[in-house]
């Protein structure tokens, strides 16, 4: 148990060390910053899982608004974004997070456009048509060859009197 307690304490101290300087326990900045971090993970996961342009028609699917944070934390939006001592820093931080998310969205859409998904099919339609016709030709050649071999084998297996009557001899 001591080991687990030490790990929890180490994780907590590491989390505190990662906080920006403007975040404080004395005001709502800590809650707001933590909530933005959670939303950032959610939005990043959404971006990672969606690749169509239509998935991003609504901006709230990939962007974080100050009003959403304020309503989730029961804080006045104006005090969170404008009037508090931490507001300029928080606003700047939120803008940078939104820029990161928008860049990730654009990169994801660009990647999806460059390699359109056709499931497990990796070739283009023209390549598939070409290989299909080649394979059909090869199958017909093999069938003809096999038929010829079967007929020859059948004639070889016939008894000599039957061959003479048929005039194959």
N, C-alpha and C. Protein backbone atom coordinates (compact mmCIF):
# COMPACT_ATOMS: atom_id res chain seq x y z
N UNK A 1 0.82 -1.20 0.00
CA UNK A 1 0.00 0.00 0.00
C UNK A 1 0.86 1.26 0.00
N UNK A 2 1.99 1.18 0.71
CA UNK A 2 2.87 2.35 0.74
C UNK A 2 3.35 2.70 -0.66
N UNK A 3 3.62 1.67 -1.44
CA UNK A 3 4.07 1.89 -2.81
C UNK A 3 3.02 2.64 -3.62
N UNK A 4 1.76 2.22 -3.49
CA UNK A 4 0.68 2.87 -4.22
C UNK A 4 0.47 4.30 -3.75
N UNK A 5 0.58 4.52 -2.44
CA UNK A 5 0.43 5.88 -1.91
C UNK A 5 1.51 6.79 -2.45
N UNK A 6 2.73 6.28 -2.51
CA UNK A 6 3.85 7.07 -3.04
C UNK A 6 3.63 7.41 -4.51
N UNK A 7 3.10 6.44 -5.26
CA UNK A 7 2.84 6.70 -6.68
C UNK A 7 1.77 7.75 -6.87
N UNK A 8 0.73 7.71 -6.04
CA UNK A 8 -0.34 8.70 -6.13
C UNK A 8 0.20 10.08 -5.79
N UNK A 9 1.01 10.16 -4.74
CA UNK A 9 1.62 11.44 -4.36
C UNK A 9 2.54 11.96 -5.45
N UNK A 10 3.31 11.08 -6.05
CA UNK A 10 4.21 11.49 -7.12
C UNK A 10 3.44 12.00 -8.33
N UNK A 11 2.34 11.32 -8.65
CA UNK A 11 1.51 11.75 -9.77
C UNK A 11 0.87 13.11 -9.48
N UNK A 12 0.43 13.31 -8.26
CA UNK A 12 -0.18 14.59 -7.88
C UNK A 12 0.83 15.72 -7.95
N UNK A 13 2.04 15.47 -7.45
CA UNK A 13 3.07 16.51 -7.50
C UNK A 13 3.49 16.80 -8.94
N UNK A 14 3.51 15.77 -9.76
CA UNK A 14 3.86 15.97 -11.17
C UNK A 14 2.79 16.79 -11.86
N UNK A 15 1.53 16.53 -11.54
CA UNK A 15 0.44 17.29 -12.15
C UNK A 15 0.51 18.75 -11.73
N UNK A 16 0.84 19.01 -10.47
CA UNK A 16 0.97 20.38 -10.01
C UNK A 16 2.14 21.07 -10.69
N UNK A 17 3.20 20.34 -10.95
CA UNK A 17 4.36 20.92 -11.60
C UNK A 17 4.07 21.30 -13.05
N UNK A 18 3.14 20.61 -13.70
CA UNK A 18 2.81 20.87 -15.09
C UNK A 18 1.86 22.06 -15.26
N UNK A 19 1.28 22.54 -14.18
CA UNK A 19 0.33 23.64 -14.28
C UNK A 19 1.03 24.93 -14.68
N UNK A 20 0.34 25.75 -15.45
CA UNK A 20 0.90 27.07 -15.77
C UNK A 20 0.97 27.95 -14.52
N UNK A 21 1.73 28.99 -14.61
CA UNK A 21 1.95 29.86 -13.44
C UNK A 21 0.70 30.63 -13.03
N UNK A 22 -0.19 30.91 -13.95
CA UNK A 22 -1.39 31.69 -13.63
C UNK A 22 -2.48 30.87 -12.97
N UNK A 23 -2.35 29.54 -12.93
CA UNK A 23 -3.36 28.67 -12.31
C UNK A 23 -3.15 28.66 -10.81
N UNK A 24 -4.25 28.83 -10.07
CA UNK A 24 -4.17 28.91 -8.61
C UNK A 24 -5.33 28.15 -7.98
N UNK A 25 -5.09 27.63 -6.76
CA UNK A 25 -6.14 26.96 -6.01
C UNK A 25 -7.12 27.96 -5.39
N UNK A 26 -6.71 29.20 -5.31
CA UNK A 26 -7.50 30.22 -4.62
C UNK A 26 -8.71 30.69 -5.43
N UNK A 27 -8.67 30.52 -6.73
CA UNK A 27 -9.78 30.97 -7.57
C UNK A 27 -10.22 29.85 -8.52
N UNK A 28 -11.07 30.18 -9.46
CA UNK A 28 -11.64 29.19 -10.37
C UNK A 28 -10.69 28.80 -11.50
N UNK A 29 -9.51 29.38 -11.52
CA UNK A 29 -8.60 29.10 -12.62
C UNK A 29 -8.16 27.64 -12.65
N UNK A 30 -7.99 27.02 -11.48
CA UNK A 30 -7.58 25.62 -11.44
C UNK A 30 -8.66 24.72 -12.04
N UNK A 31 -9.91 24.93 -11.60
CA UNK A 31 -11.00 24.12 -12.14
C UNK A 31 -11.15 24.34 -13.64
N UNK A 32 -11.06 25.58 -14.06
CA UNK A 32 -11.21 25.90 -15.49
C UNK A 32 -10.09 25.26 -16.30
N UNK A 33 -8.87 25.36 -15.81
CA UNK A 33 -7.72 24.78 -16.52
C UNK A 33 -7.85 23.26 -16.60
N UNK A 34 -8.24 22.62 -15.50
CA UNK A 34 -8.42 21.16 -15.51
C UNK A 34 -9.53 20.74 -16.47
N UNK A 35 -10.61 21.51 -16.47
CA UNK A 35 -11.72 21.18 -17.36
C UNK A 35 -11.32 21.34 -18.83
N UNK A 36 -10.54 22.36 -19.13
CA UNK A 36 -10.06 22.55 -20.51
C UNK A 36 -9.15 21.39 -20.90
N UNK A 37 -8.32 20.93 -19.98
CA UNK A 37 -7.44 19.79 -20.27
C UNK A 37 -8.26 18.54 -20.59
N UNK A 38 -9.33 18.31 -19.82
CA UNK A 38 -10.20 17.16 -20.09
C UNK A 38 -10.88 17.29 -21.44
N UNK A 39 -11.43 18.49 -21.70
CA UNK A 39 -12.09 18.71 -22.98
C UNK A 39 -11.11 18.59 -24.14
N UNK A 40 -9.89 19.02 -23.93
CA UNK A 40 -8.87 18.94 -24.97
C UNK A 40 -8.63 17.47 -25.35
N UNK A 41 -8.57 16.60 -24.34
CA UNK A 41 -8.40 15.16 -24.61
C UNK A 41 -9.59 14.61 -25.37
N UNK A 42 -10.80 15.00 -24.97
CA UNK A 42 -12.01 14.52 -25.63
C UNK A 42 -12.06 14.98 -27.09
N UNK A 43 -11.77 16.25 -27.31
CA UNK A 43 -11.82 16.80 -28.67
C UNK A 43 -10.74 16.18 -29.54
N UNK A 44 -9.57 15.94 -28.98
CA UNK A 44 -8.49 15.29 -29.73
C UNK A 44 -8.89 13.88 -30.13
N UNK A 45 -9.53 13.19 -29.22
CA UNK A 45 -10.00 11.84 -29.52
C UNK A 45 -11.06 11.87 -30.61
N UNK A 46 -11.95 12.86 -30.57
CA UNK A 46 -12.96 13.01 -31.61
C UNK A 46 -12.29 13.24 -32.96
N UNK A 47 -11.30 14.10 -32.98
CA UNK A 47 -10.59 14.40 -34.22
C UNK A 47 -9.89 13.15 -34.75
N UNK A 48 -9.32 12.38 -33.86
CA UNK A 48 -8.61 11.18 -34.26
C UNK A 48 -9.55 10.14 -34.87
N UNK A 49 -10.80 10.11 -34.42
CA UNK A 49 -11.74 9.09 -34.86
C UNK A 49 -12.61 9.51 -36.05
N UNK A 50 -12.60 10.77 -36.41
CA UNK A 50 -13.46 11.25 -37.50
C UNK A 50 -12.61 11.84 -38.62
N UNK A 51 -12.97 11.49 -39.86
CA UNK A 51 -12.16 11.93 -40.99
C UNK A 51 -12.95 12.58 -42.12
N UNK A 52 -14.25 12.74 -41.94
CA UNK A 52 -15.07 13.36 -42.98
C UNK A 52 -15.26 14.84 -42.69
N UNK A 53 -15.39 15.61 -43.73
CA UNK A 53 -15.62 17.05 -43.57
C UNK A 53 -16.95 17.29 -42.87
N UNK A 54 -17.92 16.46 -43.14
CA UNK A 54 -19.24 16.64 -42.53
C UNK A 54 -19.24 16.37 -41.03
N UNK A 55 -18.22 15.70 -40.53
CA UNK A 55 -18.13 15.47 -39.09
C UNK A 55 -17.79 16.76 -38.34
N UNK A 56 -17.31 17.77 -39.06
CA UNK A 56 -16.86 19.01 -38.43
C UNK A 56 -17.71 20.22 -38.82
N UNK A 57 -18.95 19.98 -39.24
CA UNK A 57 -19.81 21.09 -39.61
C UNK A 57 -20.13 21.96 -38.40
N UNK A 58 -20.29 21.35 -37.24
CA UNK A 58 -20.58 22.08 -36.01
C UNK A 58 -19.26 22.30 -35.28
N UNK A 59 -18.96 23.53 -34.97
CA UNK A 59 -17.65 23.87 -34.39
C UNK A 59 -17.45 23.30 -32.99
N UNK A 60 -18.54 23.06 -32.26
CA UNK A 60 -18.38 22.59 -30.89
C UNK A 60 -17.86 21.15 -30.82
N UNK A 61 -17.84 20.44 -31.95
CA UNK A 61 -17.31 19.08 -31.94
C UNK A 61 -15.79 19.05 -31.83
N UNK A 62 -15.13 20.15 -32.22
CA UNK A 62 -13.67 20.17 -32.17
C UNK A 62 -13.08 21.43 -31.53
N UNK A 63 -13.90 22.34 -31.09
CA UNK A 63 -13.43 23.57 -30.45
C UNK A 63 -14.01 23.68 -29.04
N UNK A 64 -13.33 24.47 -28.20
CA UNK A 64 -13.77 24.67 -26.81
C UNK A 64 -14.15 26.14 -26.65
N UNK A 65 -15.35 26.38 -26.16
CA UNK A 65 -15.82 27.75 -25.95
C UNK A 65 -15.74 28.09 -24.47
N UNK A 66 -15.49 29.35 -24.20
CA UNK A 66 -15.46 29.83 -22.83
C UNK A 66 -16.81 29.70 -22.15
N UNK A 67 -17.88 29.90 -22.90
CA UNK A 67 -19.22 29.79 -22.32
C UNK A 67 -19.53 28.35 -21.89
N UNK A 68 -19.02 27.37 -22.65
CA UNK A 68 -19.22 25.97 -22.27
C UNK A 68 -18.50 25.66 -20.95
N UNK A 69 -17.31 26.18 -20.81
CA UNK A 69 -16.54 25.96 -19.58
C UNK A 69 -17.25 26.62 -18.41
N UNK A 70 -17.68 27.86 -18.61
CA UNK A 70 -18.35 28.60 -17.54
C UNK A 70 -19.64 27.90 -17.10
N UNK A 71 -20.43 27.44 -18.04
CA UNK A 71 -21.68 26.79 -17.66
C UNK A 71 -21.43 25.44 -16.99
N UNK A 72 -20.40 24.72 -17.40
CA UNK A 72 -20.11 23.43 -16.78
C UNK A 72 -19.60 23.60 -15.35
N UNK A 73 -18.88 24.68 -15.09
CA UNK A 73 -18.30 24.90 -13.77
C UNK A 73 -19.14 25.86 -12.91
N UNK A 74 -20.30 26.29 -13.40
CA UNK A 74 -21.17 27.25 -12.70
C UNK A 74 -20.43 28.53 -12.34
N UNK A 75 -19.74 29.07 -13.32
CA UNK A 75 -19.01 30.33 -13.16
C UNK A 75 -19.60 31.30 -14.18
N UNK A 76 -19.60 32.57 -13.83
CA UNK A 76 -20.04 33.59 -14.78
C UNK A 76 -19.02 33.67 -15.92
N UNK A 77 -19.52 33.63 -17.16
CA UNK A 77 -18.62 33.64 -18.31
C UNK A 77 -17.79 34.91 -18.37
N UNK A 78 -18.38 36.02 -18.03
CA UNK A 78 -17.66 37.29 -18.09
C UNK A 78 -16.50 37.30 -17.10
N UNK A 79 -16.73 36.80 -15.90
CA UNK A 79 -15.65 36.79 -14.93
C UNK A 79 -14.56 35.79 -15.31
N UNK A 80 -14.94 34.69 -15.93
CA UNK A 80 -13.96 33.70 -16.36
C UNK A 80 -13.11 34.22 -17.50
N UNK A 81 -13.73 34.87 -18.45
CA UNK A 81 -13.01 35.25 -19.66
C UNK A 81 -12.50 36.69 -19.66
N UNK A 82 -13.07 37.59 -18.83
CA UNK A 82 -12.72 39.00 -18.97
C UNK A 82 -12.29 39.72 -17.69
N UNK A 83 -12.99 39.54 -16.60
CA UNK A 83 -12.80 40.43 -15.45
C UNK A 83 -11.86 39.92 -14.38
N UNK A 84 -11.57 38.65 -14.32
CA UNK A 84 -10.71 38.11 -13.26
C UNK A 84 -9.24 38.41 -13.56
N UNK A 85 -8.41 38.23 -12.51
CA UNK A 85 -6.98 38.51 -12.68
C UNK A 85 -6.31 37.49 -13.62
N UNK A 86 -6.84 36.29 -13.68
CA UNK A 86 -6.26 35.25 -14.53
C UNK A 86 -6.88 35.23 -15.93
N UNK A 87 -7.91 36.03 -16.17
CA UNK A 87 -8.66 35.98 -17.43
C UNK A 87 -7.80 36.17 -18.68
N UNK A 88 -6.89 37.14 -18.72
CA UNK A 88 -6.09 37.28 -19.95
C UNK A 88 -5.24 36.04 -20.23
N UNK A 89 -4.68 35.47 -19.18
CA UNK A 89 -3.86 34.27 -19.36
C UNK A 89 -4.71 33.09 -19.80
N UNK A 90 -5.88 32.96 -19.16
CA UNK A 90 -6.77 31.86 -19.49
C UNK A 90 -7.27 31.98 -20.93
N UNK A 91 -7.61 33.20 -21.32
CA UNK A 91 -8.09 33.43 -22.68
C UNK A 91 -7.00 33.09 -23.70
N UNK A 92 -5.80 33.48 -23.39
CA UNK A 92 -4.66 33.18 -24.28
C UNK A 92 -4.44 31.66 -24.36
N UNK A 93 -4.53 31.00 -23.21
CA UNK A 93 -4.37 29.55 -23.16
C UNK A 93 -5.47 28.85 -23.96
N UNK A 94 -6.72 29.29 -23.80
CA UNK A 94 -7.84 28.70 -24.52
C UNK A 94 -7.69 28.90 -26.03
N UNK A 95 -7.24 30.07 -26.43
CA UNK A 95 -7.00 30.32 -27.85
C UNK A 95 -5.93 29.39 -28.42
N UNK A 96 -4.87 29.16 -27.64
CA UNK A 96 -3.80 28.28 -28.13
C UNK A 96 -4.30 26.83 -28.23
N UNK A 97 -5.12 26.42 -27.27
CA UNK A 97 -5.69 25.07 -27.32
C UNK A 97 -6.59 24.93 -28.55
N UNK A 98 -7.42 25.93 -28.81
CA UNK A 98 -8.30 25.88 -29.97
C UNK A 98 -7.52 25.89 -31.28
N UNK A 99 -6.41 26.62 -31.32
CA UNK A 99 -5.56 26.60 -32.52
C UNK A 99 -4.95 25.22 -32.73
N UNK A 100 -4.51 24.59 -31.65
CA UNK A 100 -3.97 23.22 -31.75
C UNK A 100 -5.02 22.26 -32.29
N UNK A 101 -6.24 22.36 -31.74
CA UNK A 101 -7.31 21.47 -32.17
C UNK A 101 -7.69 21.71 -33.63
N UNK A 102 -7.73 22.98 -34.04
CA UNK A 102 -8.05 23.29 -35.44
C UNK A 102 -6.96 22.76 -36.37
N UNK A 103 -5.70 22.90 -35.96
CA UNK A 103 -4.60 22.38 -36.78
C UNK A 103 -4.67 20.86 -36.88
N UNK A 104 -5.01 20.20 -35.78
CA UNK A 104 -5.14 18.74 -35.79
C UNK A 104 -6.29 18.32 -36.70
N UNK A 105 -7.38 19.07 -36.66
CA UNK A 105 -8.53 18.77 -37.52
C UNK A 105 -8.14 18.90 -38.98
N UNK A 106 -7.47 20.00 -39.34
CA UNK A 106 -7.05 20.21 -40.73
C UNK A 106 -6.09 19.13 -41.19
N UNK A 107 -5.16 18.76 -40.32
CA UNK A 107 -4.21 17.70 -40.68
C UNK A 107 -4.94 16.38 -40.90
N UNK A 108 -5.92 16.09 -40.06
CA UNK A 108 -6.68 14.84 -40.19
C UNK A 108 -7.47 14.82 -41.48
N UNK A 109 -8.12 15.94 -41.83
CA UNK A 109 -8.89 16.01 -43.06
C UNK A 109 -7.98 15.91 -44.28
N UNK A 110 -6.83 16.55 -44.22
CA UNK A 110 -5.88 16.49 -45.32
C UNK A 110 -5.38 15.07 -45.53
N UNK A 111 -5.09 14.40 -44.45
CA UNK A 111 -4.63 13.00 -44.52
C UNK A 111 -5.72 12.11 -45.11
N UNK A 112 -6.96 12.36 -44.72
CA UNK A 112 -8.08 11.56 -45.22
C UNK A 112 -8.31 11.82 -46.71
N UNK A 113 -8.09 13.05 -47.16
CA UNK A 113 -8.27 13.36 -48.58
C UNK A 113 -7.18 12.72 -49.43
N UNK A 114 -5.98 12.66 -48.92
CA UNK A 114 -4.87 12.10 -49.69
C UNK A 114 -5.00 10.60 -49.87
N UNK A 115 -5.57 9.91 -48.90
CA UNK A 115 -5.73 8.46 -49.01
C UNK A 115 -7.17 8.08 -48.74
N UNK A 116 -8.02 8.18 -49.78
CA UNK A 116 -9.42 7.83 -49.57
C UNK A 116 -9.55 6.36 -49.22
N UNK A 117 -10.35 6.10 -48.24
CA UNK A 117 -10.48 4.73 -47.74
C UNK A 117 -11.40 3.92 -48.62
N UNK A 118 -10.94 2.72 -48.97
CA UNK A 118 -11.77 1.78 -49.71
C UNK A 118 -11.79 0.47 -48.94
N UNK A 119 -11.71 0.57 -47.63
CA UNK A 119 -11.70 -0.62 -46.80
C UNK A 119 -10.36 -1.33 -46.91
N UNK A 120 -10.41 -2.61 -47.17
CA UNK A 120 -9.18 -3.38 -47.27
C UNK A 120 -8.58 -3.32 -48.67
N UNK A 121 -9.26 -2.66 -49.61
CA UNK A 121 -8.78 -2.56 -50.98
C UNK A 121 -7.76 -1.43 -51.05
N UNK A 122 -6.55 -1.77 -51.46
CA UNK A 122 -5.47 -0.78 -51.50
C UNK A 122 -5.22 -0.25 -52.90
N UNK A 123 -5.74 -0.92 -53.94
CA UNK A 123 -5.47 -0.52 -55.32
C UNK A 123 -6.58 0.36 -55.86
N UNK A 124 -6.26 1.08 -56.95
CA UNK A 124 -7.28 1.90 -57.58
C UNK A 124 -8.18 1.02 -58.43
N UNK A 125 -9.25 1.59 -58.88
CA UNK A 125 -10.22 0.82 -59.66
C UNK A 125 -9.61 0.36 -60.98
N UNK A 126 -8.84 1.21 -61.65
CA UNK A 126 -8.22 0.84 -62.92
C UNK A 126 -7.27 -0.35 -62.75
N UNK A 127 -6.48 -0.33 -61.68
CA UNK A 127 -5.57 -1.44 -61.42
C UNK A 127 -6.35 -2.73 -61.17
N UNK A 128 -7.44 -2.63 -60.43
CA UNK A 128 -8.26 -3.81 -60.16
C UNK A 128 -8.89 -4.37 -61.43
N UNK A 129 -9.37 -3.50 -62.31
CA UNK A 129 -9.98 -3.95 -63.56
C UNK A 129 -8.93 -4.66 -64.42
N UNK A 130 -7.74 -4.06 -64.51
CA UNK A 130 -6.65 -4.64 -65.30
C UNK A 130 -6.26 -6.02 -64.76
N UNK A 131 -6.08 -6.12 -63.46
CA UNK A 131 -5.68 -7.41 -62.88
C UNK A 131 -6.81 -8.44 -63.02
N UNK A 132 -8.06 -7.99 -62.97
CA UNK A 132 -9.18 -8.90 -63.13
C UNK A 132 -9.21 -9.49 -64.54
N UNK A 133 -9.00 -8.68 -65.56
CA UNK A 133 -8.99 -9.20 -66.94
C UNK A 133 -7.80 -10.13 -67.15
N UNK A 134 -6.65 -9.79 -66.59
CA UNK A 134 -5.48 -10.68 -66.69
C UNK A 134 -5.76 -12.03 -66.04
N UNK A 135 -6.37 -12.00 -64.88
CA UNK A 135 -6.68 -13.25 -64.18
C UNK A 135 -7.70 -14.09 -64.94
N UNK A 136 -8.69 -13.43 -65.55
CA UNK A 136 -9.68 -14.17 -66.34
C UNK A 136 -9.02 -14.85 -67.53
N UNK A 137 -8.10 -14.16 -68.20
CA UNK A 137 -7.37 -14.76 -69.32
C UNK A 137 -6.57 -15.97 -68.85
N UNK A 138 -5.91 -15.82 -67.76
CA UNK A 138 -5.08 -16.91 -67.22
C UNK A 138 -5.93 -18.12 -66.84
N UNK A 139 -7.08 -17.87 -66.23
CA UNK A 139 -7.99 -18.97 -65.85
C UNK A 139 -8.47 -19.70 -67.10
N UNK A 140 -8.85 -18.95 -68.14
CA UNK A 140 -9.32 -19.62 -69.36
C UNK A 140 -8.21 -20.43 -70.01
N UNK A 141 -6.96 -19.91 -70.00
CA UNK A 141 -5.82 -20.67 -70.53
C UNK A 141 -5.61 -21.96 -69.74
N UNK A 142 -5.67 -21.85 -68.43
CA UNK A 142 -5.48 -23.03 -67.59
C UNK A 142 -6.59 -24.05 -67.79
N UNK A 143 -7.82 -23.57 -67.94
CA UNK A 143 -8.93 -24.48 -68.18
C UNK A 143 -8.77 -25.21 -69.50
N UNK A 144 -8.36 -24.48 -70.56
CA UNK A 144 -8.14 -25.10 -71.86
C UNK A 144 -7.02 -26.12 -71.78
N UNK A 145 -5.95 -25.76 -71.11
CA UNK A 145 -4.82 -26.68 -70.96
C UNK A 145 -5.24 -27.92 -70.19
N UNK A 146 -5.98 -27.74 -69.14
CA UNK A 146 -6.41 -28.86 -68.32
C UNK A 146 -7.36 -29.76 -69.12
N UNK A 147 -8.24 -29.15 -69.91
CA UNK A 147 -9.17 -29.93 -70.72
C UNK A 147 -8.41 -30.77 -71.74
N UNK A 148 -7.43 -30.15 -72.38
CA UNK A 148 -6.62 -30.88 -73.37
C UNK A 148 -5.90 -32.06 -72.72
N UNK A 149 -5.34 -31.85 -71.55
CA UNK A 149 -4.63 -32.92 -70.84
C UNK A 149 -5.61 -34.04 -70.45
N UNK A 150 -6.81 -33.67 -70.00
CA UNK A 150 -7.79 -34.68 -69.61
C UNK A 150 -8.23 -35.53 -70.80
N UNK A 151 -8.45 -34.88 -71.94
CA UNK A 151 -8.87 -35.62 -73.14
C UNK A 151 -7.76 -36.57 -73.57
N UNK A 152 -6.52 -36.09 -73.60
CA UNK A 152 -5.38 -36.93 -73.97
C UNK A 152 -5.26 -38.11 -73.01
N UNK A 153 -5.41 -37.85 -71.73
CA UNK A 153 -5.32 -38.90 -70.72
C UNK A 153 -6.43 -39.93 -70.90
N UNK A 154 -7.64 -39.44 -71.21
CA UNK A 154 -8.77 -40.35 -71.41
C UNK A 154 -8.52 -41.26 -72.61
N UNK A 155 -7.99 -40.67 -73.71
CA UNK A 155 -7.70 -41.48 -74.88
C UNK A 155 -6.58 -42.48 -74.60
N UNK A 156 -5.61 -42.08 -73.80
CA UNK A 156 -4.52 -43.00 -73.45
C UNK A 156 -5.02 -44.17 -72.61
N UNK A 157 -6.06 -43.97 -71.85
CA UNK A 157 -6.58 -45.01 -70.98
C UNK A 157 -7.53 -46.00 -71.70
N UNK A 158 -7.95 -45.64 -72.90
CA UNK A 158 -8.86 -46.53 -73.62
C UNK A 158 -8.13 -47.83 -74.01
N UNK A 159 -8.85 -48.94 -73.97
CA UNK A 159 -8.23 -50.20 -74.39
C UNK A 159 -7.96 -50.18 -75.91
N UNK A 160 -7.01 -50.97 -76.35
CA UNK A 160 -6.57 -51.00 -77.74
C UNK A 160 -7.69 -51.36 -78.73
N UNK A 161 -8.58 -52.35 -78.42
CA UNK A 161 -9.65 -52.65 -79.38
C UNK A 161 -10.61 -51.48 -79.59
N UNK A 162 -10.86 -50.71 -78.51
CA UNK A 162 -11.77 -49.55 -78.63
C UNK A 162 -11.10 -48.46 -79.46
N UNK A 163 -9.81 -48.28 -79.29
CA UNK A 163 -9.08 -47.27 -80.07
C UNK A 163 -9.12 -47.61 -81.55
N UNK A 164 -8.98 -48.92 -81.87
CA UNK A 164 -9.01 -49.34 -83.28
C UNK A 164 -10.36 -49.10 -83.89
N UNK A 165 -11.44 -49.39 -83.14
CA UNK A 165 -12.79 -49.18 -83.66
C UNK A 165 -13.08 -47.69 -83.88
N UNK A 166 -12.50 -46.84 -82.97
CA UNK A 166 -12.71 -45.39 -83.12
C UNK A 166 -11.78 -44.81 -84.18
N UNK A 167 -10.76 -45.49 -84.54
CA UNK A 167 -9.84 -45.02 -85.55
C UNK A 167 -8.82 -44.03 -84.99
N UNK A 168 -8.56 -44.11 -83.69
CA UNK A 168 -7.62 -43.21 -83.04
C UNK A 168 -6.20 -43.71 -83.19
N UNK A 169 -6.01 -44.91 -83.33
CA UNK A 169 -4.75 -45.61 -83.34
C UNK A 169 -3.70 -44.94 -84.07
